[in-house]
């Protein structure tokens, strides 16, 4: 007596299964690294938002006093409450060196010299109140967190008419780029030009 197998009961051969597994492996090898890059890239949007806010604070401060400075908390830019959610350290991590004439004009316009001194030292802060010129990050990859902006400068403050600034944001957005020499670094200047010095992914 002959037995017939229904076509719908036919299965995959071992070779066919191995081909499917190989294809899945190839797709995974291509997709996972790309996904990690896109994930890291999406985190850099935080830096641009923070830099835009700091830029606005600088320009408002300049409108009031005619100088740029590094006393961000005095200006009203203070992201310390968001420390635990930030991948980027942001601010200016060098001392201020404001032209004397320009600074005198600023104090005559109402600048509080006690809270925003002419040669304010670089000060990092994550909690509390008080003057801060930069704000360390609270998030990173593993135990590596950006402690301070590394490529930053107040710029040229040579006289009352020449005033520039550069604000930097540094962050660890990828576990493969955790050193200060390769973590993400983005800056903005007085002309609102954003520069990606290192993508960090």
Protein backbone atom coordinates (compact mmCIF):
# COMPACT_ATOMS: atom_id res chain seq x y z
CA UNK A 1 0.00 0.00 0.00
CA UNK A 2 1.44 3.35 -1.07
CA UNK A 3 1.63 6.30 1.33
CA UNK A 4 1.43 9.81 -0.06
CA UNK A 5 2.70 12.93 1.74
CA UNK A 6 0.53 16.01 1.52
CA UNK A 7 2.48 18.94 0.01
CA UNK A 8 1.46 21.14 2.94
CA UNK A 9 3.28 18.81 5.34
CA UNK A 10 6.64 19.18 3.64
CA UNK A 11 9.32 20.83 5.87
CA UNK A 12 12.59 22.71 5.35
CA UNK A 13 15.76 20.85 4.63
CA UNK A 14 18.80 21.36 6.84
CA UNK A 15 20.55 23.29 4.06
CA UNK A 16 17.63 25.69 3.72
CA UNK A 17 17.59 26.31 7.46
CA UNK A 18 21.33 26.99 7.48
CA UNK A 19 20.93 29.50 4.64
CA UNK A 20 18.21 31.34 6.59
CA UNK A 21 20.37 31.44 9.72
CA UNK A 22 23.31 32.77 7.68
CA UNK A 23 21.14 35.54 6.17
CA UNK A 24 19.87 36.56 9.60
CA UNK A 25 23.44 36.66 10.88
CA UNK A 26 24.57 38.89 8.02
CA UNK A 27 21.63 41.26 8.51
CA UNK A 28 22.36 41.47 12.24
CA UNK A 29 26.05 42.18 11.64
CA UNK A 30 25.10 45.12 9.41
CA UNK A 31 22.10 46.44 11.34
CA UNK A 32 23.40 46.45 14.94
CA UNK A 33 26.40 48.77 14.38
CA UNK A 34 24.24 51.15 12.33
CA UNK A 35 21.58 51.16 15.04
CA UNK A 36 24.20 52.00 17.66
CA UNK A 37 25.46 54.89 15.52
CA UNK A 38 21.96 56.28 15.01
CA UNK A 39 21.27 55.92 18.71
CA UNK A 40 24.46 57.84 19.60
CA UNK A 41 23.75 60.49 16.97
CA UNK A 42 20.27 61.10 18.38
CA UNK A 43 21.82 61.95 21.76
CA UNK A 44 23.80 64.83 20.25
CA UNK A 45 20.56 66.76 19.71
CA UNK A 46 20.68 67.48 23.44
CA UNK A 47 23.94 69.41 22.99
CA UNK A 48 22.48 71.61 20.26
CA UNK A 49 19.45 72.45 22.39
CA UNK A 50 21.62 73.34 25.40
CA UNK A 51 24.06 75.36 23.27
CA UNK A 52 21.17 77.28 21.70
CA UNK A 53 19.88 78.16 25.19
CA UNK A 54 23.35 79.26 26.34
CA UNK A 55 23.76 81.30 23.14
CA UNK A 56 20.45 83.08 23.82
CA UNK A 57 21.58 83.87 27.38
CA UNK A 58 24.87 85.34 26.09
CA UNK A 59 23.14 87.50 23.52
CA UNK A 60 20.61 88.78 26.06
CA UNK A 61 23.46 89.54 28.45
CA UNK A 62 25.29 91.38 25.67
CA UNK A 63 22.16 93.37 24.91
CA UNK A 64 22.00 94.53 28.54
CA UNK A 65 25.69 95.11 29.28
CA UNK A 66 27.62 95.22 26.00
CA UNK A 67 29.96 92.32 26.87
CA UNK A 68 30.04 88.54 26.69
CA UNK A 69 30.97 86.66 29.85
CA UNK A 70 31.23 83.22 31.43
CA UNK A 71 28.92 83.84 34.43
CA UNK A 72 26.09 81.71 33.07
CA UNK A 73 24.07 81.36 36.26
CA UNK A 74 24.02 85.14 36.59
CA UNK A 75 22.72 85.33 33.01
CA UNK A 76 19.92 82.90 33.80
CA UNK A 77 21.31 79.84 32.03
CA UNK A 78 21.42 77.13 34.68
CA UNK A 79 20.81 73.48 33.64
CA UNK A 80 21.90 72.02 37.00
CA UNK A 81 18.44 70.64 37.75
CA UNK A 82 18.78 68.53 34.61
CA UNK A 83 22.24 67.17 35.50
CA UNK A 84 21.15 63.55 35.89
CA UNK A 85 19.52 63.61 32.46
CA UNK A 86 22.33 65.31 30.52
CA UNK A 87 24.98 63.50 28.47
CA UNK A 88 26.82 66.74 27.80
CA UNK A 89 28.97 69.00 29.95
CA UNK A 90 28.34 72.51 28.71
CA UNK A 91 29.70 75.99 29.25
CA UNK A 92 33.01 77.83 29.31
CA UNK A 93 35.80 76.21 31.33
CA UNK A 94 38.32 79.05 31.22
CA UNK A 95 38.59 82.17 33.35
CA UNK A 96 37.08 85.40 32.10
CA UNK A 97 39.45 88.15 30.98
CA UNK A 98 37.13 91.03 30.11
CA UNK A 99 38.52 94.31 28.86
CA UNK A 100 38.56 96.83 31.73
CA UNK A 101 36.85 99.62 29.81
CA UNK A 102 34.12 97.30 28.55
CA UNK A 103 33.59 95.89 32.05
CA UNK A 104 33.36 99.34 33.63
CA UNK A 105 30.74 100.27 31.07
CA UNK A 106 28.83 97.07 31.95
CA UNK A 107 28.85 97.82 35.70
CA UNK A 108 27.67 101.35 34.95
CA UNK A 109 24.78 99.71 33.09
CA UNK A 110 23.82 97.75 36.19
CA UNK A 111 25.99 94.61 36.12
CA UNK A 112 26.51 93.23 39.63
CA UNK A 113 30.31 93.01 39.93
CA UNK A 114 30.07 90.81 43.02
CA UNK A 115 28.23 88.01 41.18
CA UNK A 116 29.92 88.41 37.80
CA UNK A 117 33.49 89.57 38.31
CA UNK A 118 35.73 90.80 35.49
CA UNK A 119 38.15 87.85 35.86
CA UNK A 120 35.71 85.17 37.01
CA UNK A 121 37.51 81.82 37.40
CA UNK A 122 36.17 78.72 35.67
CA UNK A 123 33.77 77.00 38.06
CA UNK A 124 31.87 73.78 37.49
CA UNK A 125 28.74 72.90 39.41
CA UNK A 126 26.09 70.18 39.28
CA UNK A 127 23.90 71.05 42.27
CA UNK A 128 22.97 73.93 44.50
CA UNK A 129 23.19 77.61 43.80
CA UNK A 130 25.98 80.08 43.22
CA UNK A 131 28.07 81.11 40.27
CA UNK A 132 28.97 78.50 37.64
CA UNK A 133 30.68 78.90 34.28
CA UNK A 134 30.18 75.30 33.14
CA UNK A 135 27.97 72.37 34.06
CA UNK A 136 29.27 68.76 34.15
CA UNK A 137 27.16 65.98 32.68
CA UNK A 138 25.34 63.46 34.82
CA UNK A 139 24.94 60.65 32.26
CA UNK A 140 27.42 58.82 30.09
CA UNK A 141 28.37 55.29 29.16
CA UNK A 142 29.26 53.01 32.03
CA UNK A 143 31.28 55.02 34.54
CA UNK A 144 32.55 57.52 31.97
CA UNK A 145 30.83 60.92 32.21
CA UNK A 146 31.95 64.24 30.69
CA UNK A 147 33.22 66.29 33.62
CA UNK A 148 33.85 69.56 31.78
CA UNK A 149 33.97 71.07 28.31
CA UNK A 150 37.51 70.60 27.01
CA UNK A 151 37.52 72.63 23.80
CA UNK A 152 36.18 75.96 24.91
CA UNK A 153 37.18 79.58 25.27
CA UNK A 154 35.57 82.86 26.12
CA UNK A 155 37.07 84.21 22.92
CA UNK A 156 38.34 87.70 22.22
CA UNK A 157 37.45 90.37 24.75
CA UNK A 158 40.21 92.75 23.66
CA UNK A 159 38.26 96.00 23.84
CA UNK A 160 34.81 97.47 24.14
CA UNK A 161 33.98 96.89 20.48
CA UNK A 162 35.57 93.48 19.85
CA UNK A 163 33.65 90.83 21.75
CA UNK A 164 33.40 87.14 20.83
CA UNK A 165 32.70 83.86 22.59
CA UNK A 166 32.74 80.11 22.06
CA UNK A 167 30.61 77.80 24.19
CA UNK A 168 31.38 74.09 24.15
CA UNK A 169 29.39 70.95 24.87
CA UNK A 170 31.27 67.67 25.41
CA UNK A 171 29.59 64.34 25.99
CA UNK A 172 29.99 60.56 25.97
CA UNK A 173 27.27 59.27 23.65
CA UNK A 174 28.95 56.00 22.61
CA UNK A 175 30.75 53.35 24.65
CA UNK A 176 33.38 53.21 21.89
CA UNK A 177 34.30 56.91 22.19
CA UNK A 178 34.86 57.76 25.83
CA UNK A 179 38.17 59.65 25.85
CA UNK A 180 38.36 63.44 25.81
CA UNK A 181 40.17 63.09 22.48
CA UNK A 182 37.26 61.35 20.75
CA UNK A 183 34.05 62.00 22.71
CA UNK A 184 31.42 64.21 21.10
CA UNK A 185 32.38 67.92 21.00
CA UNK A 186 30.10 70.60 19.60
CA UNK A 187 30.52 74.37 19.88
CA UNK A 188 28.56 77.53 19.14
CA UNK A 189 29.96 81.04 18.74
CA UNK A 190 28.66 84.60 18.85
CA UNK A 191 27.45 84.30 15.24
CA UNK A 192 25.41 81.21 16.15
CA UNK A 193 27.65 78.96 14.08
CA UNK A 194 27.52 75.39 15.36
CA UNK A 195 30.69 73.38 14.80
CA UNK A 196 30.98 69.62 15.29
CA UNK A 197 34.61 69.20 16.33
CA UNK A 198 34.16 65.47 17.06
CA UNK A 199 30.98 63.47 16.39
CA UNK A 200 31.68 61.03 19.22
CA UNK A 201 30.26 57.96 17.45
